[in-house]
Amino acid sequence: MATPPLIFVLNGPNLNLLGTREPEIYGSATLDDISATMVEHADQLGLELDIRQSNHEGHLIDWLHEARARGAKAVIINPGGYSHTSVALHDAVKAIGTPVIEVHLSDPETREPFRHTDLVALAATQVIKGQGAQGYLAALDEAARL
């Protein structure tokens, strides 16, 4: 039997605090809740997931490189606040040649002005924002279609 296509799911800074961090903005689902739902949905789509979270920019960059090296079909990334500040993440997304779908639980464009610039989105294949935890499932559907 063939190995299912691999999708990396990378979560950036402060996403480990989901469920307790500003639930009025980010919802009440924890990262573990979202991950469990994603695994269930990925099984239905015939995909294998590698889900990770780090508060460190360099880890996210290393994992993007690893996704390329391991032949991942796609990367789903929620870079958190690094979306607005990280040229290095932008460059890594652009360099790996693997489709990257950026996810945001909220819609940054409706929030503080400093969140309106998204450097990662400039290099991403697609951006899904403002759908809460459902945005991760929409990203999985998109990854499956690639």
N, C-alpha and C. Protein backbone atom coordinates (compact mmCIF):
# COMPACT_ATOMS: atom_id res chain seq x y z
N MET A 1 0.84 -1.18 0.00
CA MET A 1 0.00 0.00 0.00
C MET A 1 0.89 1.25 0.00
N ALA A 2 0.48 2.24 -0.75
CA ALA A 2 1.26 3.48 -0.87
C ALA A 2 1.22 4.29 0.43
N THR A 3 2.31 4.99 0.67
CA THR A 3 2.38 5.88 1.83
C THR A 3 1.50 7.09 1.57
N PRO A 4 0.67 7.48 2.55
CA PRO A 4 -0.18 8.66 2.33
C PRO A 4 0.67 9.93 2.21
N PRO A 5 0.18 10.90 1.44
CA PRO A 5 0.90 12.17 1.32
C PRO A 5 1.07 12.83 2.69
N LEU A 6 2.24 13.41 2.89
CA LEU A 6 2.59 14.03 4.16
C LEU A 6 2.32 15.54 4.12
N ILE A 7 1.65 16.02 5.16
CA ILE A 7 1.38 17.44 5.34
C ILE A 7 1.99 17.87 6.67
N PHE A 8 2.87 18.85 6.64
CA PHE A 8 3.38 19.44 7.88
C PHE A 8 2.39 20.51 8.34
N VAL A 9 2.13 20.56 9.64
CA VAL A 9 1.29 21.60 10.23
C VAL A 9 2.14 22.28 11.29
N LEU A 10 2.51 23.53 11.03
CA LEU A 10 3.42 24.25 11.91
C LEU A 10 2.68 25.41 12.58
N ASN A 11 2.79 25.46 13.89
CA ASN A 11 2.14 26.50 14.68
C ASN A 11 3.20 27.32 15.40
N GLY A 12 3.06 28.62 15.29
CA GLY A 12 4.06 29.53 15.83
C GLY A 12 3.79 29.99 17.25
N PRO A 13 4.37 31.12 17.61
CA PRO A 13 4.39 31.58 18.99
C PRO A 13 3.00 31.83 19.58
N ASN A 14 2.89 31.44 20.82
CA ASN A 14 1.72 31.64 21.67
C ASN A 14 0.52 30.76 21.32
N LEU A 15 0.62 29.97 20.27
CA LEU A 15 -0.50 29.11 19.92
C LEU A 15 -0.65 27.94 20.89
N ASN A 16 0.38 27.68 21.66
CA ASN A 16 0.27 26.69 22.74
C ASN A 16 -0.68 27.16 23.83
N LEU A 17 -1.03 28.44 23.84
CA LEU A 17 -1.93 29.02 24.84
C LEU A 17 -3.38 29.11 24.36
N LEU A 18 -3.66 28.58 23.17
CA LEU A 18 -5.03 28.63 22.67
C LEU A 18 -5.98 27.98 23.68
N GLY A 19 -7.17 28.51 23.74
CA GLY A 19 -8.17 28.05 24.69
C GLY A 19 -8.24 28.93 25.92
N THR A 20 -7.09 29.54 26.26
CA THR A 20 -7.07 30.45 27.41
C THR A 20 -6.63 31.85 26.99
N ARG A 21 -5.93 31.96 25.89
CA ARG A 21 -5.42 33.26 25.42
C ARG A 21 -6.49 33.97 24.60
N GLU A 22 -7.00 35.06 25.13
CA GLU A 22 -7.97 35.90 24.43
C GLU A 22 -9.01 35.08 23.65
N PRO A 23 -9.80 34.26 24.35
CA PRO A 23 -10.78 33.42 23.66
C PRO A 23 -11.80 34.21 22.84
N GLU A 24 -12.02 35.46 23.19
CA GLU A 24 -12.94 36.29 22.41
C GLU A 24 -12.40 36.57 21.01
N ILE A 25 -11.09 36.42 20.83
CA ILE A 25 -10.47 36.60 19.51
C ILE A 25 -10.16 35.26 18.86
N TYR A 26 -9.58 34.34 19.65
CA TYR A 26 -9.04 33.09 19.09
C TYR A 26 -9.92 31.88 19.32
N GLY A 27 -11.00 32.02 20.09
CA GLY A 27 -11.88 30.89 20.35
C GLY A 27 -11.46 30.11 21.58
N SER A 28 -12.25 29.11 21.91
CA SER A 28 -12.02 28.33 23.12
C SER A 28 -11.32 27.00 22.86
N ALA A 29 -11.15 26.63 21.61
CA ALA A 29 -10.47 25.38 21.29
C ALA A 29 -8.99 25.49 21.61
N THR A 30 -8.44 24.45 22.21
CA THR A 30 -7.01 24.40 22.47
C THR A 30 -6.29 23.91 21.21
N LEU A 31 -4.98 24.05 21.20
CA LEU A 31 -4.20 23.53 20.08
C LEU A 31 -4.34 22.01 19.99
N ASP A 32 -4.42 21.34 21.13
CA ASP A 32 -4.65 19.89 21.13
C ASP A 32 -6.01 19.55 20.52
N ASP A 33 -7.04 20.34 20.82
CA ASP A 33 -8.36 20.13 20.22
C ASP A 33 -8.29 20.26 18.70
N ILE A 34 -7.65 21.33 18.25
CA ILE A 34 -7.52 21.57 16.81
C ILE A 34 -6.73 20.44 16.16
N SER A 35 -5.64 20.03 16.79
CA SER A 35 -4.81 18.96 16.24
C SER A 35 -5.59 17.65 16.12
N ALA A 36 -6.36 17.32 17.14
CA ALA A 36 -7.14 16.08 17.11
C ALA A 36 -8.17 16.10 15.98
N THR A 37 -8.82 17.23 15.80
CA THR A 37 -9.80 17.38 14.71
C THR A 37 -9.10 17.26 13.36
N MET A 38 -7.91 17.85 13.26
CA MET A 38 -7.16 17.77 12.01
C MET A 38 -6.76 16.33 11.68
N VAL A 39 -6.30 15.60 12.68
CA VAL A 39 -5.89 14.21 12.45
C VAL A 39 -7.07 13.39 11.96
N GLU A 40 -8.22 13.60 12.58
CA GLU A 40 -9.43 12.88 12.18
C GLU A 40 -9.79 13.22 10.73
N HIS A 41 -9.75 14.49 10.39
CA HIS A 41 -10.08 14.93 9.03
C HIS A 41 -9.03 14.43 8.03
N ALA A 42 -7.78 14.46 8.41
CA ALA A 42 -6.71 13.98 7.53
C ALA A 42 -6.89 12.50 7.22
N ASP A 43 -7.30 11.73 8.21
CA ASP A 43 -7.56 10.30 7.98
C ASP A 43 -8.62 10.11 6.90
N GLN A 44 -9.67 10.94 6.96
CA GLN A 44 -10.74 10.86 5.96
C GLN A 44 -10.23 11.24 4.57
N LEU A 45 -9.25 12.13 4.52
CA LEU A 45 -8.70 12.59 3.25
C LEU A 45 -7.53 11.74 2.76
N GLY A 46 -7.09 10.79 3.57
CA GLY A 46 -5.96 9.95 3.19
C GLY A 46 -4.63 10.65 3.28
N LEU A 47 -4.50 11.55 4.26
CA LEU A 47 -3.27 12.31 4.45
C LEU A 47 -2.61 11.95 5.78
N GLU A 48 -1.30 12.06 5.82
CA GLU A 48 -0.54 11.90 7.06
C GLU A 48 -0.12 13.29 7.53
N LEU A 49 -0.28 13.56 8.82
CA LEU A 49 0.10 14.85 9.37
C LEU A 49 1.30 14.76 10.28
N ASP A 50 2.11 15.79 10.25
CA ASP A 50 3.19 15.99 11.21
C ASP A 50 2.93 17.37 11.82
N ILE A 51 2.38 17.39 13.03
CA ILE A 51 1.94 18.63 13.67
C ILE A 51 2.94 19.06 14.73
N ARG A 52 3.35 20.32 14.67
CA ARG A 52 4.34 20.84 15.61
C ARG A 52 4.00 22.28 16.01
N GLN A 53 4.54 22.69 17.16
CA GLN A 53 4.38 24.07 17.64
C GLN A 53 5.68 24.51 18.27
N SER A 54 6.05 25.77 18.02
CA SER A 54 7.22 26.35 18.67
C SER A 54 7.02 27.84 18.82
N ASN A 55 7.59 28.36 19.88
CA ASN A 55 7.63 29.80 20.09
C ASN A 55 8.89 30.42 19.51
N HIS A 56 9.69 29.62 18.80
CA HIS A 56 10.99 30.06 18.29
C HIS A 56 11.01 30.09 16.76
N GLU A 57 11.34 31.23 16.23
CA GLU A 57 11.36 31.43 14.78
C GLU A 57 12.27 30.43 14.07
N GLY A 58 13.45 30.19 14.61
CA GLY A 58 14.39 29.28 13.97
C GLY A 58 13.86 27.86 13.84
N HIS A 59 13.09 27.40 14.84
CA HIS A 59 12.48 26.07 14.74
C HIS A 59 11.53 26.01 13.55
N LEU A 60 10.71 27.04 13.38
CA LEU A 60 9.77 27.06 12.27
C LEU A 60 10.50 27.02 10.94
N ILE A 61 11.59 27.76 10.84
CA ILE A 61 12.38 27.77 9.61
C ILE A 61 13.00 26.39 9.36
N ASP A 62 13.59 25.80 10.40
CA ASP A 62 14.17 24.46 10.25
C ASP A 62 13.11 23.45 9.81
N TRP A 63 11.90 23.57 10.38
CA TRP A 63 10.83 22.63 10.03
C TRP A 63 10.33 22.83 8.60
N LEU A 64 10.33 24.07 8.13
CA LEU A 64 10.01 24.30 6.72
C LEU A 64 11.04 23.61 5.82
N HIS A 65 12.29 23.72 6.16
CA HIS A 65 13.35 23.04 5.40
C HIS A 65 13.16 21.52 5.46
N GLU A 66 12.82 21.03 6.65
CA GLU A 66 12.59 19.58 6.81
C GLU A 66 11.42 19.11 5.96
N ALA A 67 10.35 19.90 5.89
CA ALA A 67 9.20 19.53 5.07
C ALA A 67 9.63 19.32 3.62
N ARG A 68 10.47 20.20 3.14
CA ARG A 68 10.99 20.05 1.77
C ARG A 68 11.82 18.78 1.65
N ALA A 69 12.72 18.58 2.60
CA ALA A 69 13.62 17.42 2.55
C ALA A 69 12.86 16.11 2.63
N ARG A 70 11.76 16.09 3.35
CA ARG A 70 10.96 14.87 3.51
C ARG A 70 9.90 14.71 2.41
N GLY A 71 9.87 15.65 1.48
CA GLY A 71 8.94 15.54 0.35
C GLY A 71 7.49 15.78 0.71
N ALA A 72 7.25 16.64 1.69
CA ALA A 72 5.87 16.94 2.07
C ALA A 72 5.09 17.48 0.88
N LYS A 73 3.85 17.08 0.80
CA LYS A 73 2.96 17.58 -0.26
C LYS A 73 2.65 19.06 -0.06
N ALA A 74 2.54 19.45 1.22
CA ALA A 74 2.23 20.84 1.54
C ALA A 74 2.59 21.10 2.99
N VAL A 75 2.63 22.39 3.34
CA VAL A 75 2.80 22.84 4.72
C VAL A 75 1.63 23.77 5.03
N ILE A 76 1.01 23.53 6.17
CA ILE A 76 0.02 24.46 6.72
C ILE A 76 0.73 25.15 7.87
N ILE A 77 0.74 26.47 7.85
CA ILE A 77 1.46 27.20 8.89
C ILE A 77 0.60 28.32 9.45
N ASN A 78 0.58 28.40 10.76
CA ASN A 78 0.06 29.57 11.46
C ASN A 78 1.26 30.20 12.14
N PRO A 79 1.87 31.20 11.52
CA PRO A 79 3.08 31.79 12.08
C PRO A 79 2.82 32.76 13.23
N GLY A 80 1.55 32.93 13.62
CA GLY A 80 1.26 33.85 14.71
C GLY A 80 1.82 35.23 14.40
N GLY A 81 2.35 35.87 15.42
CA GLY A 81 2.88 37.22 15.29
C GLY A 81 4.06 37.33 14.33
N TYR A 82 4.73 36.22 14.03
CA TYR A 82 5.84 36.27 13.07
C TYR A 82 5.35 36.64 11.67
N SER A 83 4.06 36.49 11.42
CA SER A 83 3.51 36.87 10.11
C SER A 83 3.86 38.31 9.76
N HIS A 84 3.88 39.14 10.78
CA HIS A 84 4.01 40.58 10.57
C HIS A 84 5.43 41.09 10.69
N THR A 85 6.35 40.21 11.10
CA THR A 85 7.71 40.69 11.39
C THR A 85 8.83 39.88 10.75
N SER A 86 8.56 38.68 10.27
CA SER A 86 9.65 37.78 9.92
C SER A 86 9.94 37.70 8.42
N VAL A 87 10.95 38.44 8.02
CA VAL A 87 11.47 38.31 6.66
C VAL A 87 12.07 36.91 6.50
N ALA A 88 12.67 36.38 7.55
CA ALA A 88 13.29 35.05 7.48
C ALA A 88 12.26 33.96 7.20
N LEU A 89 11.09 34.02 7.83
CA LEU A 89 10.04 33.04 7.53
C LEU A 89 9.54 33.22 6.10
N HIS A 90 9.35 34.45 5.68
CA HIS A 90 8.96 34.73 4.30
C HIS A 90 9.94 34.06 3.35
N ASP A 91 11.23 34.28 3.59
CA ASP A 91 12.26 33.75 2.70
C ASP A 91 12.26 32.21 2.71
N ALA A 92 12.05 31.61 3.86
CA ALA A 92 12.03 30.14 3.95
C ALA A 92 10.83 29.58 3.19
N VAL A 93 9.67 30.20 3.35
CA VAL A 93 8.48 29.75 2.63
C VAL A 93 8.73 29.84 1.13
N LYS A 94 9.32 30.92 0.71
CA LYS A 94 9.60 31.13 -0.71
C LYS A 94 10.65 30.13 -1.23
N ALA A 95 11.61 29.79 -0.39
CA ALA A 95 12.75 28.98 -0.84
C ALA A 95 12.46 27.49 -0.95
N ILE A 96 11.52 26.97 -0.18
CA ILE A 96 11.40 25.52 -0.11
C ILE A 96 10.73 24.90 -1.33
N GLY A 97 9.95 25.67 -2.08
CA GLY A 97 9.32 25.11 -3.28
C GLY A 97 8.16 24.18 -2.97
N THR A 98 7.77 24.07 -1.73
CA THR A 98 6.63 23.26 -1.30
C THR A 98 5.45 24.20 -1.11
N PRO A 99 4.25 23.83 -1.57
CA PRO A 99 3.10 24.70 -1.33
C PRO A 99 2.90 24.95 0.17
N VAL A 100 2.68 26.22 0.53
CA VAL A 100 2.48 26.60 1.92
C VAL A 100 1.16 27.35 2.03
N ILE A 101 0.30 26.85 2.91
CA ILE A 101 -0.99 27.47 3.18
C ILE A 101 -0.92 28.11 4.56
N GLU A 102 -1.07 29.41 4.60
CA GLU A 102 -1.02 30.14 5.87
C GLU A 102 -2.42 30.22 6.45
N VAL A 103 -2.52 29.98 7.76
CA VAL A 103 -3.80 30.01 8.47
C VAL A 103 -3.72 31.01 9.61
N HIS A 104 -4.79 31.78 9.78
CA HIS A 104 -4.96 32.65 10.94
C HIS A 104 -6.36 32.44 11.49
N LEU A 105 -6.46 32.23 12.79
CA LEU A 105 -7.76 32.04 13.42
C LEU A 105 -8.63 33.28 13.27
N SER A 106 -8.03 34.44 13.52
CA SER A 106 -8.74 35.72 13.35
C SER A 106 -8.37 36.28 11.98
N ASP A 107 -8.97 37.41 11.64
CA ASP A 107 -8.59 38.10 10.41
C ASP A 107 -7.73 39.29 10.81
N PRO A 108 -6.41 39.18 10.62
CA PRO A 108 -5.51 40.25 11.05
C PRO A 108 -5.84 41.62 10.46
N GLU A 109 -6.44 41.64 9.28
CA GLU A 109 -6.76 42.92 8.63
C GLU A 109 -7.86 43.69 9.34
N THR A 110 -8.58 43.02 10.24
CA THR A 110 -9.65 43.70 10.99
C THR A 110 -9.19 44.08 12.39
N ARG A 111 -7.91 43.87 12.65
CA ARG A 111 -7.36 44.12 13.98
C ARG A 111 -6.43 45.33 13.96
N GLU A 112 -5.50 45.38 14.89
CA GLU A 112 -4.60 46.52 15.02
C GLU A 112 -3.83 46.74 13.71
N PRO A 113 -3.53 48.01 13.40
CA PRO A 113 -2.84 48.32 12.14
C PRO A 113 -1.51 47.57 11.96
N PHE A 114 -0.79 47.30 13.04
CA PHE A 114 0.50 46.61 12.87
C PHE A 114 0.33 45.18 12.38
N ARG A 115 -0.87 44.63 12.46
CA ARG A 115 -1.14 43.28 11.97
C ARG A 115 -1.56 43.24 10.50
N HIS A 116 -1.70 44.40 9.86
CA HIS A 116 -2.22 44.45 8.50
C HIS A 116 -1.19 44.01 7.47
N THR A 117 0.09 44.10 7.79
CA THR A 117 1.13 43.62 6.89
C THR A 117 1.44 42.18 7.24
N ASP A 118 1.40 41.31 6.23
CA ASP A 118 1.66 39.88 6.44
C ASP A 118 2.77 39.46 5.48
N LEU A 119 3.99 39.41 6.00
CA LEU A 119 5.15 39.07 5.18
C LEU A 119 5.11 37.63 4.70
N VAL A 120 4.62 36.73 5.54
CA VAL A 120 4.55 35.31 5.16
C VAL A 120 3.56 35.12 4.02
N ALA A 121 2.43 35.84 4.07
CA ALA A 121 1.41 35.72 3.03
C ALA A 121 1.96 36.08 1.65
N LEU A 122 2.95 36.98 1.61
CA LEU A 122 3.54 37.37 0.33
C LEU A 122 4.21 36.20 -0.38
N ALA A 123 4.60 35.18 0.38
CA ALA A 123 5.26 34.01 -0.20
C ALA A 123 4.38 32.77 -0.19
N ALA A 124 3.30 32.78 0.57
CA ALA A 124 2.44 31.60 0.71
C ALA A 124 1.64 31.34 -0.57
N THR A 125 1.28 30.10 -0.75
CA THR A 125 0.44 29.69 -1.87
C THR A 125 -0.98 30.20 -1.69
N GLN A 126 -1.44 30.16 -0.44
CA GLN A 126 -2.80 30.59 -0.12
C GLN A 126 -2.84 31.04 1.34
N VAL A 127 -3.80 31.89 1.68
CA VAL A 127 -4.00 32.35 3.05
C VAL A 127 -5.47 32.15 3.41
N ILE A 128 -5.70 31.53 4.57
CA ILE A 128 -7.05 31.33 5.10
C ILE A 128 -7.09 32.04 6.43
N LYS A 129 -8.01 32.99 6.58
CA LYS A 129 -8.04 33.78 7.81
C LYS A 129 -9.47 34.05 8.23
N GLY A 130 -9.62 34.22 9.56
CA GLY A 130 -10.90 34.62 10.10
C GLY A 130 -11.94 33.53 10.21
N GLN A 131 -11.55 32.28 10.06
CA GLN A 131 -12.50 31.17 10.15
C GLN A 131 -12.37 30.40 11.46
N GLY A 132 -11.60 30.93 12.40
CA GLY A 132 -11.39 30.21 13.65
C GLY A 132 -10.72 28.87 13.39
N ALA A 133 -10.99 27.91 14.26
CA ALA A 133 -10.37 26.58 14.14
C ALA A 133 -10.76 25.90 12.83
N GLN A 134 -11.91 26.24 12.27
CA GLN A 134 -12.34 25.66 10.99
C GLN A 134 -11.37 26.00 9.86
N GLY A 135 -10.63 27.08 10.01
CA GLY A 135 -9.66 27.45 8.99
C GLY A 135 -8.59 26.39 8.77
N TYR A 136 -8.23 25.69 9.84
CA TYR A 136 -7.26 24.60 9.71
C TYR A 136 -7.82 23.47 8.84
N LEU A 137 -9.10 23.16 9.01
CA LEU A 137 -9.72 22.11 8.21
C LEU A 137 -9.85 22.55 6.75
N ALA A 138 -10.16 23.83 6.54
CA ALA A 138 -10.20 24.35 5.17
C ALA A 138 -8.82 24.25 4.53
N ALA A 139 -7.78 24.51 5.31
CA ALA A 139 -6.42 24.40 4.79
C ALA A 139 -6.09 22.95 4.44
N LEU A 140 -6.55 22.01 5.25
CA LEU A 140 -6.34 20.59 4.94
C LEU A 140 -7.03 20.22 3.64
N ASP A 141 -8.26 20.69 3.46
CA ASP A 141 -8.97 20.43 2.22
C ASP A 141 -8.20 20.96 1.02
N GLU A 142 -7.66 22.18 1.17
CA GLU A 142 -6.86 22.76 0.09
C GLU A 142 -5.60 21.94 -0.17
N ALA A 143 -4.94 21.51 0.91
CA ALA A 143 -3.73 20.69 0.76
C ALA A 143 -4.05 19.39 0.02
N ALA A 144 -5.18 18.80 0.33
CA ALA A 144 -5.58 17.55 -0.33
C ALA A 144 -5.81 17.76 -1.83
N ARG A 145 -6.30 18.95 -2.20
CA ARG A 145 -6.58 19.25 -3.60
C ARG A 145 -5.32 19.51 -4.42
N LEU A 146 -4.23 19.83 -3.77
CA LEU A 146 -2.99 20.16 -4.51
C LEU A 146 -2.49 18.98 -5.32
